[in-house]
Protein backbone atom coordinates (compact mmCIF):
# COMPACT_ATOMS: atom_id res chain seq x y z
CA MET A 1 -0.33 -0.28 -0.02
CA VAL A 2 1.22 3.84 -1.04
CA ASP A 3 1.50 5.98 2.09
CA ILE A 4 -0.35 9.53 1.15
CA SER A 5 2.65 11.82 1.35
CA VAL A 6 3.26 15.85 1.14
CA ILE A 7 5.06 15.17 -2.33
CA THR A 8 3.63 17.38 -4.74
CA SER A 9 3.36 19.09 -8.39
CA ALA A 10 -0.03 21.28 -11.74
CA CYS A 11 -0.56 18.47 -14.53
CA GLN A 12 1.01 14.88 -14.97
CA VAL A 13 3.00 13.18 -17.55
CA ARG A 14 3.04 9.10 -16.10
CA LEU A 15 4.97 7.04 -18.67
CA GLN A 16 2.62 3.74 -17.60
CA ALA A 17 3.04 0.38 -18.48
CA SER A 18 -0.10 -0.52 -16.92
CA VAL A 19 -2.87 -3.57 -16.55
CA SER A 20 -5.40 -1.60 -16.94
CA SER A 21 -6.20 1.70 -19.06
CA PRO A 22 -6.30 5.38 -17.52
CA PRO A 23 -9.93 6.09 -16.54
CA VAL A 24 -11.99 8.15 -18.99
CA ALA A 25 -14.34 8.91 -16.64
CA VAL A 26 -14.69 8.96 -13.05
CA GLY A 27 -17.44 8.85 -10.25
CA ARG A 28 -18.42 10.82 -7.44
CA MET A 29 -15.30 13.60 -5.51
CA VAL A 30 -14.40 13.08 -2.07
CA GLY A 31 -12.35 15.94 -0.51
CA ASN A 32 -10.17 16.80 1.79
CA SER A 33 -10.92 18.35 5.53
CA GLY A 34 -2.25 19.30 -8.67
CA HIS A 35 1.73 20.73 -13.81
CA CYS A 36 3.90 17.67 -13.56
CA LEU A 37 4.54 14.70 -11.16
CA VAL A 38 5.27 11.59 -12.64
CA SER A 39 4.33 8.19 -10.83
CA ARG A 40 7.40 5.89 -10.25
CA GLU A 41 6.33 2.10 -10.28
CA LEU A 42 6.34 -0.06 -13.52
CA HIS A 43 3.21 -2.23 -13.83
CA GLN A 44 3.47 -4.83 -16.74
CA HIS A 45 1.27 -4.58 -19.75
CA ALA A 46 1.74 -5.74 -23.33
CA HIS A 47 1.35 -2.19 -24.48
CA PRO A 48 3.20 0.54 -22.50
CA VAL A 49 0.95 4.10 -22.89
CA VAL A 50 1.85 7.57 -21.24
CA ALA A 51 -0.91 9.66 -19.25
CA PHE A 52 -1.25 12.92 -18.67
CA THR A 53 -3.63 14.92 -16.96
CA ALA A 54 -3.70 19.26 -17.13
CA ILE A 55 -5.86 21.28 -16.35
CA VAL A 56 -5.19 24.78 -18.63
CA PRO A 57 -5.84 27.21 -19.88
CA LYS A 58 -9.21 27.81 -17.88
CA TYR A 59 -8.46 25.66 -14.18
CA ASP A 60 -11.87 24.69 -14.76
CA ARG A 61 -12.02 20.61 -15.58
CA ILE A 62 -9.46 17.89 -15.56
CA ILE A 63 -8.45 16.60 -18.69
CA SER A 64 -6.68 13.19 -19.47
CA ARG A 65 -5.02 12.45 -22.45
CA GLN A 66 -3.57 8.85 -23.66
CA ALA A 67 -0.28 7.68 -26.34
CA GLN A 68 2.40 5.64 -26.66
CA THR A 69 4.71 8.41 -26.35
CA ILE A 70 5.01 11.30 -24.18
CA GLN A 71 5.79 13.77 -28.14
CA ALA A 72 2.40 11.62 -28.90
CA LEU A 73 0.82 13.49 -26.27
CA GLN A 74 0.62 17.30 -27.98
CA ASN A 75 -1.48 15.36 -30.81
CA ALA A 76 -3.36 12.73 -28.63
CA SER A 77 -6.93 13.28 -28.25
CA LYS A 78 -8.33 14.57 -24.97
CA THR A 79 -10.97 12.98 -22.58
CA THR A 80 -12.67 15.76 -19.46
CA VAL A 81 -13.02 13.36 -16.48
CA ARG A 82 -14.51 16.27 -14.51
CA ARG A 83 -15.56 19.65 -14.86
CA ARG A 84 -15.79 22.10 -11.95
CA ARG A 85 -18.74 22.70 -9.66
CA PHE A 86 -19.61 26.74 -9.14
CA SER A 87 -20.87 26.59 -5.44
CA SER A 88 -19.94 24.74 -2.26
CA VAL A 89 -17.71 21.67 -1.55
CA GLY A 90 -14.95 21.77 -5.14
CA SER A 91 -15.68 25.08 -6.04
CA GLY A 92 -13.34 27.31 -7.43
CA GLN A 93 -10.01 26.76 -9.67
CA VAL A 94 -9.24 23.66 -10.54
CA TRP A 95 -5.55 22.74 -10.30
CA GLY A 96 -2.34 20.28 -10.20
CA PRO A 97 -4.22 16.50 -11.33
CA GLU A 98 -2.34 13.83 -10.05
CA LEU A 99 -2.62 10.35 -11.67
CA HIS A 100 -1.69 7.31 -9.58
CA PHE A 101 -2.64 3.54 -9.97
CA ILE A 102 -3.05 2.34 -6.63
CA ASP A 103 -3.96 -1.40 -5.56
CA GLY A 104 -5.53 -2.29 -9.23
CA LYS A 105 -7.29 1.44 -8.99
CA TRP A 106 -6.35 4.72 -10.45
CA TYR A 107 -6.56 7.69 -8.58
CA ILE A 108 -6.63 11.51 -9.23
CA TYR A 109 -4.91 13.91 -6.59
CA VAL A 110 -6.04 17.10 -7.72
CA ALA A 111 -6.63 20.57 -5.48
CA LEU A 112 -10.04 21.50 -5.57
CA GLY A 113 -12.29 24.75 -3.52
CA VAL A 114 -14.26 24.29 -0.97
CA ALA A 115 -16.91 26.88 -0.05
CA ASN A 116 -14.59 29.12 -1.78
CA GLN A 117 -11.85 29.61 -4.81
CA TRP A 118 -9.10 30.50 -2.57
CA ARG A 119 -9.80 27.73 0.25
CA ILE A 120 -7.87 25.35 -1.40
CA ARG A 121 -7.72 21.85 -0.48
CA THR A 122 -6.71 18.37 -1.51
CA PHE A 123 -8.93 16.12 -3.65
CA VAL A 124 -8.68 11.94 -4.70
CA LEU A 125 -11.27 11.41 -7.52
CA GLU A 126 -12.04 7.64 -7.55
CA ALA A 127 -15.18 5.64 -8.64
CA GLN A 128 -15.60 5.26 -4.95
CA ALA A 129 -13.46 6.88 -2.07
CA GLY A 130 -13.28 8.93 1.17
CA VAL A 131 -11.86 12.13 1.96
CA ILE A 132 -8.88 13.06 2.64
CA LYS A 133 -8.19 14.29 6.04
CA ASN A 134 -5.22 15.16 8.21
CA ASN A 135 -4.12 17.78 10.83
CA TRP A 136 -3.18 20.21 8.60
CA ASP A 137 -6.85 22.36 7.78
CA THR A 138 -5.09 24.96 5.51
CA PHE A 139 -3.86 25.46 1.83
CA SER A 140 -3.01 22.35 0.22
CA LEU A 141 -2.69 21.58 -3.36
CA ASN A 142 -0.44 19.04 -5.73
CA ALA A 143 -0.71 16.61 -3.46
CA SER A 144 1.11 13.31 -4.43
CA THR A 145 2.19 9.85 -3.23
CA PHE A 146 5.16 7.98 -2.67
CA TYR A 147 5.98 4.27 -1.16
CA HIS A 148 6.95 4.26 2.62
CA ASP A 149 7.15 0.82 4.91
CA ARG A 150 4.73 2.48 7.27
CA ALA A 151 1.76 1.27 5.31
CA ALA A 152 -1.72 3.21 4.67
CA VAL A 153 -5.09 2.98 5.18
CA ASN A 154 -6.10 3.52 1.66
CA PRO A 155 -5.45 6.34 -0.86
CA TRP A 156 -8.11 8.36 0.96
CA THR A 157 -6.88 8.52 4.62
CA ILE A 158 -3.28 9.72 5.65
CA ARG A 159 -2.05 7.61 8.81
CA GLY A 160 0.03 9.34 11.48
CA THR A 161 0.57 13.34 11.76
CA ALA A 162 1.27 15.41 9.22
CA PHE A 163 4.54 17.65 9.24
CA ALA A 164 6.85 19.98 7.33
CA ILE A 165 10.23 19.11 4.95
CA SER A 166 10.67 22.32 4.11
CA ARG A 167 9.15 26.31 4.50
CA PRO A 168 10.28 29.02 2.80
CA THR A 169 12.83 30.69 4.48
CA LEU A 170 16.02 31.30 2.23
CA ALA A 171 15.72 34.65 0.54
CA TRP A 172 15.17 32.85 -3.80
CA GLU A 173 12.15 31.22 -2.33
CA ARG A 174 10.49 34.69 -1.18
CA ILE A 175 10.37 36.78 -4.64
CA GLY A 176 7.05 38.03 -4.88
CA TYR A 177 5.56 35.76 -2.32
CA LYS A 178 6.72 33.11 0.18
CA VAL A 179 6.24 29.86 -1.80
CA ASN A 180 7.25 26.30 -1.16
CA GLU A 181 5.23 23.48 -3.25
CA GLY A 182 4.75 21.26 -5.97
CA PRO A 183 7.93 19.72 -4.74
CA PHE A 184 9.98 21.74 -4.64
CA SER A 185 9.13 24.50 -6.23
CA ALA A 186 9.90 28.22 -4.60
CA SER A 187 8.77 32.06 -5.50
CA ALA A 188 5.75 33.32 -7.49
CA THR A 189 4.78 31.87 -10.53
CA ASP A 190 6.09 34.28 -12.73
CA HIS A 191 9.83 34.17 -14.05
CA ASN A 192 10.92 34.16 -11.05
CA TYR A 193 9.46 30.64 -10.55
CA CYS A 194 12.07 28.26 -10.14
CA ILE A 195 13.40 24.80 -8.60
CA GLY A 196 15.48 23.80 -5.17
CA LEU A 197 16.51 19.95 -4.41
CA LEU A 198 15.46 18.57 -1.19
CA THR A 199 17.74 15.60 -0.15
CA VAL A 200 17.83 13.27 2.07
CA SER A 201 19.99 9.87 2.51
CA ALA A 202 19.02 6.77 1.56
CA GLY A 203 18.31 4.06 4.20
CA ALA A 204 16.76 7.58 6.05
CA ASP A 205 13.36 7.73 7.90
CA LEU A 206 11.39 9.82 4.47
CA MET A 207 8.95 11.10 7.87
CA ASN A 208 11.77 12.81 10.52
CA PRO A 209 11.72 16.26 9.00
CA ALA A 210 15.58 16.37 10.61
CA SER A 211 16.39 13.69 7.57
CA TRP A 212 15.70 16.24 4.65
CA SER A 213 18.49 19.23 4.03
CA LYS A 214 18.00 22.09 1.68
CA SER A 215 20.04 23.26 -1.55
CA LEU A 216 21.24 26.58 -0.52
CA ASN A 217 20.36 27.66 -3.96
CA PRO A 218 17.74 27.03 -6.42
CA VAL A 219 18.64 24.04 -9.21
CA PHE A 220 16.39 25.00 -11.92
CA VAL A 221 15.85 28.84 -12.78
CA SER A 222 14.30 31.02 -15.62
CA ASN A 223 17.16 31.39 -18.29
CA ALA A 224 16.97 34.77 -20.61
CA ASN A 225 18.96 33.11 -23.74
CA THR A 226 17.13 29.88 -23.79
CA ASN A 227 13.49 32.10 -23.65
CA ARG A 228 12.41 29.77 -20.96
CA TRP A 229 11.14 31.62 -17.76
CA GLY A 230 9.70 30.17 -14.60
CA PRO A 231 10.28 26.82 -14.46
CA GLY A 232 8.72 25.07 -11.81
CA HIS A 233 7.30 22.29 -11.04
CA ASN A 234 8.82 19.28 -11.93
CA PRO A 235 8.51 15.50 -12.18
CA PHE A 236 10.55 12.36 -13.70
CA THR A 237 9.73 9.56 -15.56
CA VAL A 238 10.24 6.17 -15.22
CA SER A 239 13.24 7.32 -17.08
CA GLU A 240 14.93 8.25 -14.01
CA ASP A 241 16.94 11.06 -16.27
CA ASP A 242 14.15 12.04 -18.07
CA LEU A 243 12.85 15.66 -16.20
CA LEU A 244 9.76 17.37 -17.42
CA ASN A 245 8.67 20.65 -15.80
CA ASP A 246 6.63 23.09 -16.99
CA PRO A 247 7.83 27.03 -17.21
CA ASN A 248 4.39 29.29 -17.61
CA ARG A 249 2.35 26.64 -18.03
CA ARG A 250 3.88 24.66 -20.98
CA THR A 251 5.36 21.47 -20.39
CA THR A 252 8.49 20.53 -21.51
CA VAL A 253 10.69 17.75 -21.09
CA GLN A 254 14.28 17.11 -20.98
CA LYS A 255 17.55 14.68 -20.26
CA LEU A 256 18.59 14.92 -16.71
CA TYR A 257 22.50 14.33 -16.21
CA TRP A 258 24.41 13.93 -13.14
CA LYS A 259 27.63 15.17 -11.89
CA ALA A 260 30.89 13.46 -10.41
CA ASP A 261 29.66 13.70 -6.81
CA ARG A 262 26.76 11.83 -7.85
CA THR A 263 24.58 14.81 -7.13
CA PRO A 264 22.09 15.81 -10.13
CA ASP A 265 22.68 18.47 -12.75
CA PHE A 266 19.67 19.87 -14.40
CA GLY A 267 21.94 22.56 -16.43
CA VAL A 268 19.10 25.10 -18.07
CA PRO A 269 15.57 24.67 -19.22
CA VAL A 270 16.71 24.09 -23.38
CA PRO A 271 14.84 25.97 -26.07
CA GLU A 272 12.19 24.96 -28.31
CA GLY A 273 13.11 22.06 -30.43
CA ASN A 274 14.52 18.98 -30.70
CA THR A 275 16.16 17.38 -26.77
CA PRO A 276 19.56 18.50 -27.16
CA LEU A 277 22.53 15.98 -26.89
CA ARG A 278 25.91 16.13 -26.21
CA LEU A 279 29.18 15.57 -28.68
CA ARG A 280 32.20 13.50 -27.71
CA SER A 281 34.51 13.01 -29.32
CA THR A 282 35.38 9.14 -30.70
CA ALA A 283 38.91 9.80 -29.31
CA GLU A 284 38.68 11.50 -25.89
CA LYS A 285 36.21 9.86 -24.92
CA GLY A 286 36.76 11.30 -21.09
CA GLY A 287 35.74 14.91 -22.33
CA HIS A 288 32.59 16.64 -25.06
CA VAL A 289 32.78 19.16 -27.35
CA GLN A 290 32.26 22.72 -25.40
CA TYR A 291 31.10 26.16 -26.65
CA TYR A 292 33.52 28.37 -25.89
CA ALA A 293 33.78 32.09 -25.60
CA GLY A 294 37.11 33.13 -24.23
CA SER A 295 40.81 32.91 -25.92
CA GLY A 296 43.02 30.30 -24.97
CA ASN A 297 42.02 26.74 -24.02
CA PRO A 298 39.34 26.25 -21.98
CA SER A 299 39.94 24.94 -17.63
CA GLY A 300 38.18 23.30 -15.18
CA THR A 301 34.59 21.38 -15.92
CA PRO A 302 32.62 23.15 -18.37
CA ALA A 303 29.20 23.58 -16.96
CA LEU A 304 26.41 20.77 -19.25
CA PRO A 305 24.95 23.61 -20.87
CA ASP A 306 27.94 24.53 -22.98
CA THR A 307 28.58 20.63 -24.13
CA GLN A 308 24.74 20.62 -24.89
CA PHE A 309 23.46 21.05 -28.58
CA ARG A 310 20.53 20.33 -30.17
CA ILE A 311 20.64 18.75 -34.02
CA VAL A 312 18.93 20.77 -36.85
CA SER A 313 17.58 18.99 -39.99
CA PRO A 314 17.41 19.93 -42.52
CA CYS A 315 20.35 22.51 -42.57
CA LEU A 316 20.98 25.57 -44.73
CA VAL A 317 22.19 23.70 -47.68
CA GLY A 318 19.98 21.08 -47.24
CA GLY A 319 20.06 17.80 -48.67
CA SER A 320 20.82 14.99 -45.37
CA THR A 321 22.81 17.18 -43.52
CA ILE A 322 22.87 18.76 -40.27
CA MET A 323 22.77 21.34 -38.02
CA LEU A 324 24.56 21.60 -34.69
CA GLU A 325 23.17 24.03 -31.75
CA SER A 326 24.56 25.67 -29.28
CA THR A 327 22.19 24.92 -26.41
CA SER A 328 23.94 27.39 -23.70
CA TYR A 329 23.50 29.67 -26.89
CA PRO A 330 21.07 29.55 -30.13
CA SER A 331 21.70 30.40 -33.10
CA MET A 332 25.15 30.02 -32.48
CA PHE A 333 26.34 26.81 -34.61
CA LEU A 334 29.43 24.73 -35.06
CA ARG A 335 30.95 24.86 -38.07
CA ARG A 336 34.52 23.93 -39.57
CA ALA A 337 37.18 26.86 -40.04
CA ASN A 338 39.68 27.49 -43.43
CA ASN A 339 42.28 25.84 -40.66
CA ALA A 340 40.41 23.00 -40.19
CA GLU A 341 39.74 23.38 -36.73
CA VAL A 342 35.89 24.15 -35.52
CA GLN A 343 35.00 26.81 -34.47
CA PHE A 344 30.91 29.06 -33.73
CA GLU A 345 28.83 31.25 -35.50
CA ARG A 346 25.90 33.42 -35.64
CA SER A 347 23.28 32.24 -37.43
CA SER A 348 22.97 35.69 -39.47
CA ALA A 349 26.49 35.45 -40.49
CA LEU A 350 26.24 31.88 -42.29
CA THR A 351 25.11 33.88 -45.62
CA SER A 352 27.51 32.58 -48.24
CA ALA A 353 27.03 29.85 -49.67
CA ALA A 354 30.41 28.97 -48.48
CA ALA A 355 29.21 29.68 -44.86
CA LYS A 356 26.36 27.51 -45.37
CA ALA A 357 28.05 24.63 -46.13
CA SER A 358 31.37 24.65 -42.99
CA ALA A 359 28.19 24.55 -40.96
CA SER A 360 27.05 21.46 -42.52
CA PHE A 361 27.59 18.21 -41.85
CA GLU A 362 27.09 14.67 -43.39
CA ARG A 363 24.54 12.15 -41.28
CA ARG A 364 27.07 9.15 -41.92
CA LEU A 365 26.03 6.19 -39.72
CA ALA A 366 29.89 5.80 -39.52
CA MET A 367 30.25 9.32 -38.12
CA LEU A 368 26.79 9.97 -36.34
CA ARG A 369 25.21 7.40 -34.03
CA VAL A 370 22.40 8.66 -32.19
CA MET A 371 20.55 6.06 -29.35
CA GLU A 372 17.41 5.78 -28.09
CA PHE A 373 16.08 9.35 -25.87
CA ALA A 374 15.34 6.97 -23.09
CA ASP A 375 18.21 5.11 -22.57
CA ALA A 376 20.00 6.34 -19.24
CA ALA A 377 23.16 6.23 -21.70
CA ALA A 378 21.36 8.86 -24.14
CA VAL A 379 24.58 10.83 -25.97
CA LEU A 380 25.24 12.05 -29.68
CA TRP A 381 29.00 10.11 -30.25
CA HIS A 382 30.39 12.65 -32.90
CA THR A 383 34.20 12.46 -34.04
CA LEU A 384 35.76 15.78 -34.38
CA ALA A 385 37.32 15.07 -37.38
CA ILE A 386 34.73 15.31 -39.86
CA SER A 387 35.88 16.98 -43.72
């Protein structure tokens, strides 16, 4: 049985190989005295599906989509699971629906109003269920669940006393508003909205607030170069290196990397387009191609975004060629210089036929191999000896 927790997040993306299909309708609503969290369990089924629930743009209903891949959700048909009420319990805005498969049934945890729009509490939807009650009768949204060694009574009953594992005490958590939500997002839901990191040691008691430590700085913030703003409310899919987030309520997915000290490296919110990859030499497998604007040779470990590139195809000369665009500085493309070295050039400077050709690379299987994006070791292998 899953224990109900304070781990939360405003839409839902779930990679789910399930014993049954996601719900297209639910029965009665039960209440409590919501962008993207993913349930991590994987249930056996011959046809894995991805289920997605959301509430924008009007925050007045819960919709569900289903597809074979995350990318296919964009064009999948929508089913309305529930519409808001206009009075009494379940009125007001609909926030943060999250889909979970628990003990053979589907449940949706969602934040709704109780009596008025801003008396927000957490509800659970199921064909038959009950009210979620705990010792905190206060603003509550984006509830989630996780596995724990203390058995829960059922998906709508919390066992024991609720407690806080984080409060907005740091300056970056209090810009505009004092916010800790959708673990773990902070500050007002504008360009200041960001993601922090709460950490607990393996084997520690998750139900003990003292077990948790907070990052001194946010780990994922807005980025002017990539034009991504307010990337809060994040989950992971069952592929542990796929990070989803919702900058300005737009759900995006990108790969998560890891530092040498085994802590996550979020990088920056990547720009619109194909998921960027990293390039590394077949001769020097310990290093990656890096965007570097300085003089001389760079030193130290480069920032993750400086080693990420987006494949642009077709490129300026067409055909089977591709271009490689910097992630940290979009519109900067890798090109071959006259001295056979590689360098970066702005797209606005690639006007002549020779310049366009110098930024175009043949897609040769012997030179270029793209692995599965879902693979934990997903990288783009690329030799620098391209001619």
